Amino acid sequence: KLAGARLEISHDELVREFDIQYGEAVRARLIAVSSLSKAKELQAKASADPNNFGNLAKNYSEDAPSASAKGVINPIRKHGSYKEIEQAVFHMADGDISPVIHAGGQYVILKREGLLPAKNVKLEQVSPKLEEIIRDRKMRSVAQDVFQQLQQDAKVENVWNDAAKREKTPGVAALINNEPVTI
């Protein structure tokens, strides 16, 4: 309850979440490897024969889930985890092979398969749902900040372990913000 009062959602956050949930997305295939030289080699092979990208992904990608599906990954949306990948696929044409991209500690090559259009939904229709998604995401961080502030502001005085204080205030274990906590 304390954190909820401090949690604010801006219009920009709503628009961003709207893009994530309902905006356009790019269907793509991926090859991910840990070696830059291997990535450059695979990028050259993929560029020379884009139709063989799926087989290259299956045989060489170190990302097991996508490799088993010949490089197919979930559609890439704006405001995702890796800005470099997002920028590349949204500026490529269908069928293009990306340059080698360093993201998430790996070297990635992408093949753009196609653009999925934005869903025909208005922001006003889904604002309450989007606010709830944002609120859930932000709540843990805001609650942690509130808890840390409460800890910093709290004044705890141990009465029980101090004989003089215990004699002065019988039956009290501690004072928290000058309020007695009884035994």
C-alpha atoms as a PDB file:
ATOM      1  CA  LYS A   1       0.000   0.000   0.000  1.00  0.00           C
ATOM      2  CA  LEU A   2       2.816   2.387   0.820  1.00  0.00           C
ATOM      3  CA  ALA A   3       4.581   1.680  -2.468  1.00  0.00           C
ATOM      4  CA  GLY A   4       1.391   1.962  -4.517  1.00  0.00           C
ATOM      5  CA  ALA A   5       0.929   5.571  -3.477  1.00  0.00           C
ATOM      6  CA  ARG A   6       4.387   6.424  -4.842  1.00  0.00           C
ATOM      7  CA  LEU A   7       4.054   4.495  -8.079  1.00  0.00           C
ATOM      8  CA  GLU A   8       3.372   6.746 -11.049  1.00  0.00           C
ATOM      9  CA  ILE A   9       2.897   5.773 -14.676  1.00  0.00           C
ATOM     10  CA  SER A  10       3.690   8.335 -17.342  1.00  0.00           C
ATOM     11  CA  HIS A  11       2.056   8.673 -20.751  1.00  0.00           C
ATOM     12  CA  ASP A  12       5.407   7.781 -22.353  1.00  0.00           C
ATOM     13  CA  GLU A  13       5.479   4.508 -20.409  1.00  0.00           C
ATOM     14  CA  LEU A  14       1.953   3.724 -21.616  1.00  0.00           C
ATOM     15  CA  VAL A  15       2.893   4.419 -25.237  1.00  0.00           C
ATOM     16  CA  ARG A  16       6.014   2.278 -24.913  1.00  0.00           C
ATOM     17  CA  GLU A  17       4.058  -0.645 -23.439  1.00  0.00           C
ATOM     18  CA  PHE A  18       1.446  -0.202 -26.186  1.00  0.00           C
ATOM     19  CA  ASP A  19       4.224  -0.582 -28.794  1.00  0.00           C
ATOM     20  CA  ILE A  20       5.529  -3.687 -27.033  1.00  0.00           C
ATOM     21  CA  GLN A  21       2.123  -5.350 -26.827  1.00  0.00           C
ATOM     22  CA  TYR A  22       0.386  -4.145 -29.988  1.00  0.00           C
ATOM     23  CA  GLY A  23       2.970  -2.496 -32.248  1.00  0.00           C
ATOM     24  CA  GLU A  24       4.556  -3.912 -35.353  1.00  0.00           C
ATOM     25  CA  ALA A  25       7.038  -6.757 -35.059  1.00  0.00           C
ATOM     26  CA  VAL A  26       9.610  -8.405 -37.292  1.00  0.00           C
ATOM     27  CA  ARG A  27       9.749 -12.125 -38.013  1.00  0.00           C
ATOM     28  CA  ALA A  28      13.385 -13.173 -38.157  1.00  0.00           C
ATOM     29  CA  ARG A  29      15.850 -16.032 -37.920  1.00  0.00           C
ATOM     30  CA  LEU A  30      18.949 -15.942 -35.757  1.00  0.00           C
ATOM     31  CA  ILE A  31      22.424 -17.417 -35.576  1.00  0.00           C
ATOM     32  CA  ALA A  32      24.241 -16.799 -32.282  1.00  0.00           C
ATOM     33  CA  VAL A  33      27.869 -17.748 -31.614  1.00  0.00           C
ATOM     34  CA  SER A  34      30.455 -16.820 -29.005  1.00  0.00           C
ATOM     35  CA  SER A  35      33.340 -16.202 -31.427  1.00  0.00           C
ATOM     36  CA  LEU A  36      33.608 -13.060 -33.558  1.00  0.00           C
ATOM     37  CA  SER A  37      35.646 -14.827 -36.238  1.00  0.00           C
ATOM     38  CA  LYS A  38      33.048 -17.632 -36.463  1.00  0.00           C
ATOM     39  CA  ALA A  39      30.282 -15.028 -36.662  1.00  0.00           C
ATOM     40  CA  LYS A  40      32.022 -13.213 -39.527  1.00  0.00           C
ATOM     41  CA  GLU A  41      32.503 -16.494 -41.374  1.00  0.00           C
ATOM     42  CA  LEU A  42      28.823 -17.437 -40.934  1.00  0.00           C
ATOM     43  CA  GLN A  43      27.666 -13.950 -41.918  1.00  0.00           C
ATOM     44  CA  ALA A  44      29.650 -14.210 -45.174  1.00  0.00           C
ATOM     45  CA  LYS A  45      28.126 -17.643 -45.931  1.00  0.00           C
ATOM     46  CA  ALA A  46      24.606 -16.401 -45.123  1.00  0.00           C
ATOM     47  CA  SER A  47      25.041 -13.306 -47.299  1.00  0.00           C
ATOM     48  CA  ALA A  48      26.301 -15.437 -50.191  1.00  0.00           C
ATOM     49  CA  ASP A  49      23.272 -17.793 -49.944  1.00  0.00           C
ATOM     50  CA  PRO A  50      20.413 -16.298 -47.870  1.00  0.00           C
ATOM     51  CA  ASN A  51      18.179 -19.282 -48.660  1.00  0.00           C
ATOM     52  CA  ASN A  52      20.572 -21.519 -46.675  1.00  0.00           C
ATOM     53  CA  PHE A  53      20.320 -19.386 -43.490  1.00  0.00           C
ATOM     54  CA  GLY A  54      18.107 -21.923 -41.708  1.00  0.00           C
ATOM     55  CA  ASN A  55      20.577 -24.745 -42.268  1.00  0.00           C
ATOM     56  CA  LEU A  56      23.475 -22.572 -41.112  1.00  0.00           C
ATOM     57  CA  ALA A  57      21.521 -21.762 -37.946  1.00  0.00           C
ATOM     58  CA  LYS A  58      20.701 -25.421 -37.367  1.00  0.00           C
ATOM     59  CA  ASN A  59      24.310 -26.541 -37.829  1.00  0.00           C
ATOM     60  CA  TYR A  60      26.279 -23.708 -36.197  1.00  0.00           C
ATOM     61  CA  SER A  61      24.151 -21.589 -33.849  1.00  0.00           C
ATOM     62  CA  GLU A  62      24.962 -21.949 -30.158  1.00  0.00           C
ATOM     63  CA  ASP A  63      21.423 -20.886 -29.228  1.00  0.00           C
ATOM     64  CA  ALA A  64      19.920 -24.373 -28.953  1.00  0.00           C
ATOM     65  CA  PRO A  65      16.205 -23.463 -28.984  1.00  0.00           C
ATOM     66  CA  SER A  66      16.410 -21.413 -32.181  1.00  0.00           C
ATOM     67  CA  ALA A  67      18.995 -23.718 -33.782  1.00  0.00           C
ATOM     68  CA  SER A  68      16.594 -26.649 -33.511  1.00  0.00           C
ATOM     69  CA  ALA A  69      14.015 -24.553 -35.410  1.00  0.00           C
ATOM     70  CA  LYS A  70      16.492 -23.504 -38.122  1.00  0.00           C
ATOM     71  CA  GLY A  71      17.000 -20.120 -36.480  1.00  0.00           C
ATOM     72  CA  VAL A  72      13.345 -19.154 -36.095  1.00  0.00           C
ATOM     73  CA  ILE A  73      12.809 -16.911 -33.063  1.00  0.00           C
ATOM     74  CA  ASN A  74       9.837 -15.093 -31.567  1.00  0.00           C
ATOM     75  CA  PRO A  75       8.961 -11.907 -33.438  1.00  0.00           C
ATOM     76  CA  ILE A  76      11.141  -8.964 -32.442  1.00  0.00           C
ATOM     77  CA  ARG A  77       9.220  -5.968 -31.135  1.00  0.00           C
ATOM     78  CA  LYS A  78      10.334  -2.442 -30.357  1.00  0.00           C
ATOM     79  CA  HIS A  79      11.645  -1.684 -26.858  1.00  0.00           C
ATOM     80  CA  GLY A  80      13.022  -5.209 -26.425  1.00  0.00           C
ATOM     81  CA  SER A  81      16.011  -6.449 -24.528  1.00  0.00           C
ATOM     82  CA  TYR A  82      18.716  -5.692 -27.085  1.00  0.00           C
ATOM     83  CA  LYS A  83      18.521  -2.306 -28.781  1.00  0.00           C
ATOM     84  CA  GLU A  84      21.200  -3.275 -31.325  1.00  0.00           C
ATOM     85  CA  ILE A  85      19.133  -6.224 -32.586  1.00  0.00           C
ATOM     86  CA  GLU A  86      15.926  -4.193 -32.654  1.00  0.00           C
ATOM     87  CA  GLN A  87      17.520  -1.345 -34.621  1.00  0.00           C
ATOM     88  CA  ALA A  88      18.996  -3.752 -37.144  1.00  0.00           C
ATOM     89  CA  VAL A  89      15.846  -5.735 -37.964  1.00  0.00           C
ATOM     90  CA  PHE A  90      13.575  -2.702 -38.176  1.00  0.00           C
ATOM     91  CA  HIS A  91      15.924  -1.075 -40.713  1.00  0.00           C
ATOM     92  CA  MET A  92      16.435  -4.165 -42.884  1.00  0.00           C
ATOM     93  CA  ALA A  93      14.338  -5.262 -45.859  1.00  0.00           C
ATOM     94  CA  ASP A  94      12.690  -8.690 -45.980  1.00  0.00           C
ATOM     95  CA  GLY A  95      15.266 -11.330 -46.912  1.00  0.00           C
ATOM     96  CA  ASP A  96      18.253  -9.203 -45.815  1.00  0.00           C
ATOM     97  CA  ILE A  97      21.074 -10.611 -43.700  1.00  0.00           C
ATOM     98  CA  SER A  98      22.326  -8.371 -40.897  1.00  0.00           C
ATOM     99  CA  PRO A  99      25.933  -7.552 -40.191  1.00  0.00           C
ATOM    100  CA  VAL A 100      27.404  -9.246 -37.123  1.00  0.00           C
ATOM    101  CA  ILE A 101      25.821  -7.716 -34.016  1.00  0.00           C
ATOM    102  CA  HIS A 102      27.324  -7.973 -30.540  1.00  0.00           C
ATOM    103  CA  ALA A 103      24.498  -8.410 -28.034  1.00  0.00           C
ATOM    104  CA  GLY A 104      24.098 -10.246 -24.755  1.00  0.00           C
ATOM    105  CA  GLY A 105      27.687 -11.476 -24.740  1.00  0.00           C
ATOM    106  CA  GLN A 106      27.260 -13.215 -28.106  1.00  0.00           C
ATOM    107  CA  TYR A 107      27.687 -12.428 -31.770  1.00  0.00           C
ATOM    108  CA  VAL A 108      24.412 -12.524 -33.648  1.00  0.00           C
ATOM    109  CA  ILE A 109      23.473 -12.660 -37.319  1.00  0.00           C
ATOM    110  CA  LEU A 110      19.825 -12.126 -38.284  1.00  0.00           C
ATOM    111  CA  LYS A 111      17.789 -12.775 -41.382  1.00  0.00           C
ATOM    112  CA  ARG A 112      14.663 -10.675 -41.668  1.00  0.00           C
ATOM    113  CA  GLU A 113      11.706 -12.786 -42.790  1.00  0.00           C
ATOM    114  CA  GLY A 114       8.900 -10.219 -42.749  1.00  0.00           C
ATOM    115  CA  LEU A 115       7.053  -7.456 -40.945  1.00  0.00           C
ATOM    116  CA  LEU A 116       4.002  -8.192 -38.820  1.00  0.00           C
ATOM    117  CA  PRO A 117       1.745  -5.124 -38.857  1.00  0.00           C
ATOM    118  CA  ALA A 118       0.625  -3.422 -35.679  1.00  0.00           C
ATOM    119  CA  LYS A 119      -2.622  -4.720 -34.221  1.00  0.00           C
ATOM    120  CA  ASN A 120      -5.703  -2.611 -34.905  1.00  0.00           C
ATOM    121  CA  VAL A 121      -6.239  -1.489 -31.307  1.00  0.00           C
ATOM    122  CA  LYS A 122      -6.508   2.019 -29.886  1.00  0.00           C
ATOM    123  CA  LEU A 123      -4.437   3.054 -26.870  1.00  0.00           C
ATOM    124  CA  GLU A 124      -7.560   4.263 -25.052  1.00  0.00           C
ATOM    125  CA  GLN A 125      -9.132   0.786 -25.317  1.00  0.00           C
ATOM    126  CA  VAL A 126      -6.276  -0.984 -23.589  1.00  0.00           C
ATOM    127  CA  SER A 127      -4.881   1.697 -21.262  1.00  0.00           C
ATOM    128  CA  PRO A 128      -6.196   0.050 -18.057  1.00  0.00           C
ATOM    129  CA  LYS A 129      -4.648  -3.295 -19.018  1.00  0.00           C
ATOM    130  CA  LEU A 130      -1.343  -1.631 -19.945  1.00  0.00           C
ATOM    131  CA  GLU A 131      -1.295   0.345 -16.697  1.00  0.00           C
ATOM    132  CA  GLU A 132      -1.702  -2.889 -14.758  1.00  0.00           C
ATOM    133  CA  ILE A 133       1.183  -4.523 -16.656  1.00  0.00           C
ATOM    134  CA  ILE A 134       3.434  -1.516 -15.971  1.00  0.00           C
ATOM    135  CA  ARG A 135       2.300  -1.309 -12.337  1.00  0.00           C
ATOM    136  CA  ASP A 136       3.153  -4.982 -11.762  1.00  0.00           C
ATOM    137  CA  ARG A 137       6.574  -4.542 -13.366  1.00  0.00           C
ATOM    138  CA  LYS A 138       7.437  -1.409 -11.370  1.00  0.00           C
ATOM    139  CA  MET A 139       5.935  -2.447  -8.024  1.00  0.00           C
ATOM    140  CA  ARG A 140       8.858  -4.548  -6.807  1.00  0.00           C
ATOM    141  CA  SER A 141      11.365  -1.765  -7.390  1.00  0.00           C
ATOM    142  CA  VAL A 142       9.188   0.919  -5.803  1.00  0.00           C
ATOM    143  CA  ALA A 143       8.342  -1.330  -2.837  1.00  0.00           C
ATOM    144  CA  GLN A 144      12.047  -2.009  -2.280  1.00  0.00           C
ATOM    145  CA  ASP A 145      12.754   1.746  -2.272  1.00  0.00           C
ATOM    146  CA  VAL A 146       9.963   2.331   0.274  1.00  0.00           C
ATOM    147  CA  PHE A 147      11.246  -0.494   2.481  1.00  0.00           C
ATOM    148  CA  GLN A 148      14.806   0.874   2.406  1.00  0.00           C
ATOM    149  CA  GLN A 149      13.540   4.352   3.304  1.00  0.00           C
ATOM    150  CA  LEU A 150      11.523   2.930   6.222  1.00  0.00           C
ATOM    151  CA  GLN A 151      14.613   1.069   7.446  1.00  0.00           C
ATOM    152  CA  GLN A 152      16.741   4.213   7.256  1.00  0.00           C
ATOM    153  CA  ASP A 153      14.156   6.324   9.061  1.00  0.00           C
ATOM    154  CA  ALA A 154      13.366   3.791  11.785  1.00  0.00           C
ATOM    155  CA  LYS A 155      14.853   4.336  15.219  1.00  0.00           C
ATOM    156  CA  VAL A 156      15.233   1.011  17.051  1.00  0.00           C
ATOM    157  CA  GLU A 157      16.345   0.955  20.671  1.00  0.00           C
ATOM    158  CA  ASN A 158      17.006  -2.453  22.260  1.00  0.00           C
ATOM    159  CA  VAL A 159      15.669  -2.340  25.820  1.00  0.00           C
ATOM    160  CA  TRP A 160      15.773  -6.033  26.722  1.00  0.00           C
ATOM    161  CA  ASN A 161      19.568  -6.392  26.415  1.00  0.00           C
ATOM    162  CA  ASP A 162      20.300  -3.306  28.552  1.00  0.00           C
ATOM    163  CA  ALA A 163      19.674  -3.909  32.288  1.00  0.00           C
ATOM    164  CA  ALA A 164      19.297  -0.192  33.108  1.00  0.00           C
ATOM    165  CA  LYS A 165      16.753   0.392  30.318  1.00  0.00           C
ATOM    166  CA  ARG A 166      14.922  -2.840  31.190  1.00  0.00           C
ATOM    167  CA  GLU A 167      14.573  -1.712  34.812  1.00  0.00           C
ATOM    168  CA  LYS A 168      13.364   1.720  33.706  1.00  0.00           C
ATOM    169  CA  THR A 169      10.715   0.285  31.301  1.00  0.00           C
ATOM    170  CA  PRO A 170       9.598  -3.131  32.625  1.00  0.00           C
ATOM    171  CA  GLY A 171       7.867  -5.482  30.196  1.00  0.00           C
ATOM    172  CA  VAL A 172       9.276  -3.693  27.125  1.00  0.00           C
ATOM    173  CA  ALA A 173      11.598  -5.521  24.728  1.00  0.00           C
ATOM    174  CA  ALA A 174      12.385  -2.565  22.471  1.00  0.00           C
ATOM    175  CA  LEU A 175      11.373   0.911  21.436  1.00  0.00           C
ATOM    176  CA  ILE A 176      10.721   1.417  17.745  1.00  0.00           C
ATOM    177  CA  ASN A 177      10.332   5.077  16.837  1.00  0.00           C
ATOM    178  CA  ASN A 178       9.797   5.650  20.592  1.00  0.00           C
ATOM    179  CA  GLU A 179       6.833   3.233  20.613  1.00  0.00           C
ATOM    180  CA  PRO A 180       7.179   0.309  23.060  1.00  0.00           C
ATOM    181  CA  VAL A 181       7.189  -3.262  21.836  1.00  0.00           C
ATOM    182  CA  THR A 182       6.173  -5.389  24.778  1.00  0.00           C
ATOM    183  CA  ILE A 183       7.473  -8.771  25.710  1.00  0.00           C
END
